[in-house]
C-alpha atoms as a PDB file:
ATOM      1  CA  UNK A   1       2.028 -21.595   1.124  1.00  0.00           C
ATOM      2  CA  UNK A   2       3.358 -18.279   0.256  1.00  0.00           C
ATOM      3  CA  UNK A   3       3.753 -16.145  -2.898  1.00  0.00           C
ATOM      4  CA  UNK A   4       6.325 -13.460  -3.051  1.00  0.00           C
ATOM      5  CA  UNK A   5       5.148 -10.141  -4.557  1.00  0.00           C
ATOM      6  CA  UNK A   6       8.118  -7.951  -4.051  1.00  0.00           C
ATOM      7  CA  UNK A   7      10.999  -7.726  -4.459  1.00  0.00           C
ATOM      8  CA  UNK A   8      10.526 -10.820  -6.703  1.00  0.00           C
ATOM      9  CA  UNK A   9       9.827 -10.288 -10.415  1.00  0.00           C
ATOM     10  CA  UNK A  10       9.284  -7.215 -12.185  1.00  0.00           C
ATOM     11  CA  UNK A  11       6.892  -5.476 -10.176  1.00  0.00           C
ATOM     12  CA  UNK A  12       7.811  -1.895  -9.296  1.00  0.00           C
ATOM     13  CA  UNK A  13       6.447   0.768  -6.579  1.00  0.00           C
ATOM     14  CA  UNK A  14       5.595   4.247  -7.736  1.00  0.00           C
ATOM     15  CA  UNK A  15       4.700   7.228  -5.579  1.00  0.00           C
ATOM     16  CA  UNK A  16       1.349   8.865  -6.083  1.00  0.00           C
ATOM     17  CA  UNK A  17       0.339  11.989  -4.104  1.00  0.00           C
ATOM     18  CA  UNK A  18      -2.802  14.080  -3.702  1.00  0.00           C
ATOM     19  CA  UNK A  19      -1.463  16.472  -6.207  1.00  0.00           C
ATOM     20  CA  UNK A  20      -3.295  14.226  -8.822  1.00  0.00           C
ATOM     21  CA  UNK A  21      -6.479  15.942  -7.426  1.00  0.00           C
ATOM     22  CA  UNK A  22      -5.216  19.436  -6.271  1.00  0.00           C
ATOM     23  CA  UNK A  23      -3.707  18.558  -3.055  1.00  0.00           C
ATOM     24  CA  UNK A  24      -0.317  19.618  -1.810  1.00  0.00           C
ATOM     25  CA  UNK A  25       1.221  16.734   0.042  1.00  0.00           C
ATOM     26  CA  UNK A  26       4.832  15.776  -1.183  1.00  0.00           C
ATOM     27  CA  UNK A  27       6.106  12.353  -1.236  1.00  0.00           C
ATOM     28  CA  UNK A  28       9.196  10.362  -2.365  1.00  0.00           C
ATOM     29  CA  UNK A  29      10.068   6.992  -3.073  1.00  0.00           C
ATOM     30  CA  UNK A  30      13.503   5.494  -2.737  1.00  0.00           C
ATOM     31  CA  UNK A  31      15.005   2.193  -2.972  1.00  0.00           C
ATOM     32  CA  UNK A  32      17.585   2.014  -0.089  1.00  0.00           C
ATOM     33  CA  UNK A  33      19.474  -0.235   2.266  1.00  0.00           C
ATOM     34  CA  UNK A  34      18.124  -0.004   5.839  1.00  0.00           C
ATOM     35  CA  UNK A  35      19.796  -2.072   8.519  1.00  0.00           C
ATOM     36  CA  UNK A  36      20.872  -4.751   5.958  1.00  0.00           C
ATOM     37  CA  UNK A  37      17.692  -4.915   4.072  1.00  0.00           C
ATOM     38  CA  UNK A  38      17.012  -3.367   0.670  1.00  0.00           C
ATOM     39  CA  UNK A  39      13.598  -1.607   0.807  1.00  0.00           C
ATOM     40  CA  UNK A  40      11.171   0.687  -0.753  1.00  0.00           C
ATOM     41  CA  UNK A  41      11.024   3.844   1.377  1.00  0.00           C
ATOM     42  CA  UNK A  42       8.159   6.273   1.337  1.00  0.00           C
ATOM     43  CA  UNK A  43       8.883   9.648   2.995  1.00  0.00           C
ATOM     44  CA  UNK A  44       6.960  12.964   2.793  1.00  0.00           C
ATOM     45  CA  UNK A  45       4.716  15.583   4.301  1.00  0.00           C
ATOM     46  CA  UNK A  46       1.065  14.610   4.247  1.00  0.00           C
ATOM     47  CA  UNK A  47      -1.073  17.958   4.045  1.00  0.00           C
ATOM     48  CA  UNK A  48      -4.868  18.331   4.221  1.00  0.00           C
ATOM     49  CA  UNK A  49      -4.811  21.738   2.290  1.00  0.00           C
ATOM     50  CA  UNK A  50      -6.826  22.035  -1.165  1.00  0.00           C
ATOM     51  CA  UNK A  51      -8.780  19.004  -0.034  1.00  0.00           C
ATOM     52  CA  UNK A  52      -5.725  16.686  -0.018  1.00  0.00           C
ATOM     53  CA  UNK A  53      -4.438  14.349   2.749  1.00  0.00           C
ATOM     54  CA  UNK A  54      -2.410  11.490   1.168  1.00  0.00           C
ATOM     55  CA  UNK A  55       0.793  10.013  -0.110  1.00  0.00           C
ATOM     56  CA  UNK A  56       1.190   6.451  -1.111  1.00  0.00           C
ATOM     57  CA  UNK A  57       3.483   3.903  -2.844  1.00  0.00           C
ATOM     58  CA  UNK A  58       1.480   1.633  -4.940  1.00  0.00           C
ATOM     59  CA  UNK A  59       2.334  -1.453  -7.121  1.00  0.00           C
ATOM     60  CA  UNK A  60       0.252  -3.177  -9.885  1.00  0.00           C
ATOM     61  CA  UNK A  61       0.380  -6.800  -9.606  1.00  0.00           C
ATOM     62  CA  UNK A  62       0.020  -7.745 -13.336  1.00  0.00           C
ATOM     63  CA  UNK A  63       2.078  -6.043 -15.871  1.00  0.00           C
ATOM     64  CA  UNK A  64      -0.882  -5.499 -17.912  1.00  0.00           C
ATOM     65  CA  UNK A  65      -3.023  -3.878 -15.009  1.00  0.00           C
ATOM     66  CA  UNK A  66      -5.266  -6.751 -15.086  1.00  0.00           C
ATOM     67  CA  UNK A  67      -6.474  -8.990 -12.303  1.00  0.00           C
ATOM     68  CA  UNK A  68      -4.073 -11.173 -10.199  1.00  0.00           C
ATOM     69  CA  UNK A  69      -5.689 -14.270  -8.857  1.00  0.00           C
ATOM     70  CA  UNK A  70      -4.859 -14.521  -5.127  1.00  0.00           C
ATOM     71  CA  UNK A  71      -7.983 -16.678  -4.333  1.00  0.00           C
ATOM     72  CA  UNK A  72      -5.868 -19.381  -2.937  1.00  0.00           C
ATOM     73  CA  UNK A  73      -4.284 -17.145  -0.204  1.00  0.00           C
ATOM     74  CA  UNK A  74      -5.677 -15.972   3.146  1.00  0.00           C
ATOM     75  CA  UNK A  75      -4.009 -12.313   3.151  1.00  0.00           C
ATOM     76  CA  UNK A  76      -0.986 -10.257   2.644  1.00  0.00           C
ATOM     77  CA  UNK A  77       1.901  -9.998   4.647  1.00  0.00           C
ATOM     78  CA  UNK A  78       4.808  -7.393   4.680  1.00  0.00           C
ATOM     79  CA  UNK A  79       8.042  -6.783   6.442  1.00  0.00           C
ATOM     80  CA  UNK A  80       7.823  -3.013   7.363  1.00  0.00           C
ATOM     81  CA  UNK A  81       9.779  -0.311   9.315  1.00  0.00           C
ATOM     82  CA  UNK A  82       8.520   2.926  10.048  1.00  0.00           C
ATOM     83  CA  UNK A  83       8.167   5.991  12.409  1.00  0.00           C
ATOM     84  CA  UNK A  84       5.239   4.499  14.626  1.00  0.00           C
ATOM     85  CA  UNK A  85       2.524   6.638  12.948  1.00  0.00           C
ATOM     86  CA  UNK A  86      -0.601   5.179  11.471  1.00  0.00           C
ATOM     87  CA  UNK A  87      -0.872   4.193   7.937  1.00  0.00           C
ATOM     88  CA  UNK A  88      -3.125   1.943   5.636  1.00  0.00           C
ATOM     89  CA  UNK A  89      -2.885  -0.837   3.160  1.00  0.00           C
ATOM     90  CA  UNK A  90      -5.198  -0.416   0.498  1.00  0.00           C
ATOM     91  CA  UNK A  91      -6.206  -3.044  -2.110  1.00  0.00           C
ATOM     92  CA  UNK A  92      -7.871  -2.619  -5.357  1.00  0.00           C
ATOM     93  CA  UNK A  93      -9.401  -4.992  -7.419  1.00  0.00           C
ATOM     94  CA  UNK A  94     -10.541  -4.915 -11.371  1.00  0.00           C
ATOM     95  CA  UNK A  95     -14.105  -4.384 -10.141  1.00  0.00           C
ATOM     96  CA  UNK A  96     -13.309  -0.790  -8.800  1.00  0.00           C
ATOM     97  CA  UNK A  97     -13.667   1.927 -11.357  1.00  0.00           C
ATOM     98  CA  UNK A  98     -13.157   5.153  -9.364  1.00  0.00           C
ATOM     99  CA  UNK A  99      -9.743   6.175  -7.901  1.00  0.00           C
ATOM    100  CA  UNK A 100     -10.969   6.815  -4.360  1.00  0.00           C
ATOM    101  CA  UNK A 101     -12.485   3.260  -4.145  1.00  0.00           C
ATOM    102  CA  UNK A 102     -10.474   0.650  -2.406  1.00  0.00           C
ATOM    103  CA  UNK A 103     -10.393  -2.015   0.465  1.00  0.00           C
ATOM    104  CA  UNK A 104      -8.568  -0.651   3.393  1.00  0.00           C
ATOM    105  CA  UNK A 105      -6.642  -2.086   6.607  1.00  0.00           C
ATOM    106  CA  UNK A 106      -5.291   0.381   9.056  1.00  0.00           C
ATOM    107  CA  UNK A 107      -2.119  -0.386  10.916  1.00  0.00           C
ATOM    108  CA  UNK A 108       0.551   1.391  12.898  1.00  0.00           C
ATOM    109  CA  UNK A 109       4.143   1.277  11.471  1.00  0.00           C
ATOM    110  CA  UNK A 110       6.576  -0.652  13.562  1.00  0.00           C
ATOM    111  CA  UNK A 111       9.809   1.234  14.679  1.00  0.00           C
ATOM    112  CA  UNK A 112      11.849  -2.018  14.239  1.00  0.00           C
ATOM    113  CA  UNK A 113      11.742  -4.319  11.219  1.00  0.00           C
ATOM    114  CA  UNK A 114       8.621  -6.401  11.695  1.00  0.00           C
ATOM    115  CA  UNK A 115       6.285  -8.654   9.684  1.00  0.00           C
ATOM    116  CA  UNK A 116       2.697  -7.575   9.531  1.00  0.00           C
ATOM    117  CA  UNK A 117      -0.057  -9.776   8.368  1.00  0.00           C
ATOM    118  CA  UNK A 118      -3.180  -8.248   6.783  1.00  0.00           C
ATOM    119  CA  UNK A 119      -5.927 -10.905   6.472  1.00  0.00           C
ATOM    120  CA  UNK A 120      -8.297 -10.471   3.533  1.00  0.00           C
ATOM    121  CA  UNK A 121     -11.267 -10.939   5.768  1.00  0.00           C
ATOM    122  CA  UNK A 122     -10.229  -7.746   7.884  1.00  0.00           C
ATOM    123  CA  UNK A 123     -10.193  -5.341   4.869  1.00  0.00           C
ATOM    124  CA  UNK A 124     -13.009  -2.621   4.971  1.00  0.00           C
ATOM    125  CA  UNK A 125     -14.619  -1.455   1.522  1.00  0.00           C
ATOM    126  CA  UNK A 126     -14.089   2.163   1.278  1.00  0.00           C
ATOM    127  CA  UNK A 127     -16.680   4.093  -1.173  1.00  0.00           C
ATOM    128  CA  UNK A 128     -17.833   0.832  -2.798  1.00  0.00           C
ATOM    129  CA  UNK A 129     -20.611  -1.696  -2.342  1.00  0.00           C
ATOM    130  CA  UNK A 130     -18.985  -4.411  -4.235  1.00  0.00           C
ATOM    131  CA  UNK A 131     -17.444  -7.258  -1.910  1.00  0.00           C
ATOM    132  CA  UNK A 132     -13.770  -7.818  -2.010  1.00  0.00           C
ATOM    133  CA  UNK A 133     -12.835 -10.640  -4.278  1.00  0.00           C
ATOM    134  CA  UNK A 134      -9.066 -11.745  -3.994  1.00  0.00           C
ATOM    135  CA  UNK A 135      -9.153 -13.554  -7.438  1.00  0.00           C
ATOM    136  CA  UNK A 136      -9.498  -9.944  -9.069  1.00  0.00           C
ATOM    137  CA  UNK A 137      -6.684  -8.221  -6.951  1.00  0.00           C
ATOM    138  CA  UNK A 138      -5.018  -5.710  -9.014  1.00  0.00           C
ATOM    139  CA  UNK A 139      -3.084  -3.231  -6.897  1.00  0.00           C
ATOM    140  CA  UNK A 140      -1.601  -2.839  -3.512  1.00  0.00           C
ATOM    141  CA  UNK A 141      -0.759   0.499  -1.819  1.00  0.00           C
ATOM    142  CA  UNK A 142       0.913   1.603   1.412  1.00  0.00           C
ATOM    143  CA  UNK A 143      -0.739   4.794   2.275  1.00  0.00           C
ATOM    144  CA  UNK A 144      -0.108   7.726   4.489  1.00  0.00           C
ATOM    145  CA  UNK A 145      -3.572   9.375   4.635  1.00  0.00           C
ATOM    146  CA  UNK A 146      -6.072  11.368   6.153  1.00  0.00           C
ATOM    147  CA  UNK A 147      -4.127  13.907   8.643  1.00  0.00           C
ATOM    148  CA  UNK A 148      -1.304  16.231   8.494  1.00  0.00           C
ATOM    149  CA  UNK A 149       2.069  14.324   9.519  1.00  0.00           C
ATOM    150  CA  UNK A 150       5.451  13.368   8.335  1.00  0.00           C
ATOM    151  CA  UNK A 151       5.262  10.016   6.749  1.00  0.00           C
ATOM    152  CA  UNK A 152       8.328   7.591   6.885  1.00  0.00           C
ATOM    153  CA  UNK A 153       7.502   3.757   5.938  1.00  0.00           C
ATOM    154  CA  UNK A 154       9.682   1.094   4.411  1.00  0.00           C
ATOM    155  CA  UNK A 155       8.872  -2.202   2.971  1.00  0.00           C
ATOM    156  CA  UNK A 156      11.522  -4.797   2.467  1.00  0.00           C
ATOM    157  CA  UNK A 157       9.153  -7.723   1.507  1.00  0.00           C
ATOM    158  CA  UNK A 158       5.702  -8.194   0.467  1.00  0.00           C
ATOM    159  CA  UNK A 159       3.900 -11.526  -0.096  1.00  0.00           C
ATOM    160  CA  UNK A 160       0.569 -13.486  -0.080  1.00  0.00           C
ATOM    161  CA  UNK A 161       0.146 -16.186   2.519  1.00  0.00           C
END
């Protein structure tokens, strides 16, 4: 069983950088065709100056920002293409109240289009003691974080499996 999250429906990616907290990282989001696939492409320079260090593209799963019930699924899969650098998939639930809280799964971006699976059981809580509950899923983010580097990551599809 699968449930398409993107590009289906009215869900949209948006770019968020550490400038929201005083950092200086720069990032862009473009919808582009890459090797015959339409994709959301995140590019930019991650900087750790001014206590910064991230750029991300994020997508709310419900139009009202509320919970999306993913309890019948084992994880999230994505068709990705990137520059071989390390990134992280972040999940947020309606249980999290602070912006720095998330559930994280690191990965290396494939340099050719490839499907990457992210089992819910493999996510690590970050700055929270609240256990991950897929029935309360709110947001998905693809994040370049934690060190200075040039980010280039594209996603053509995202779905629950």
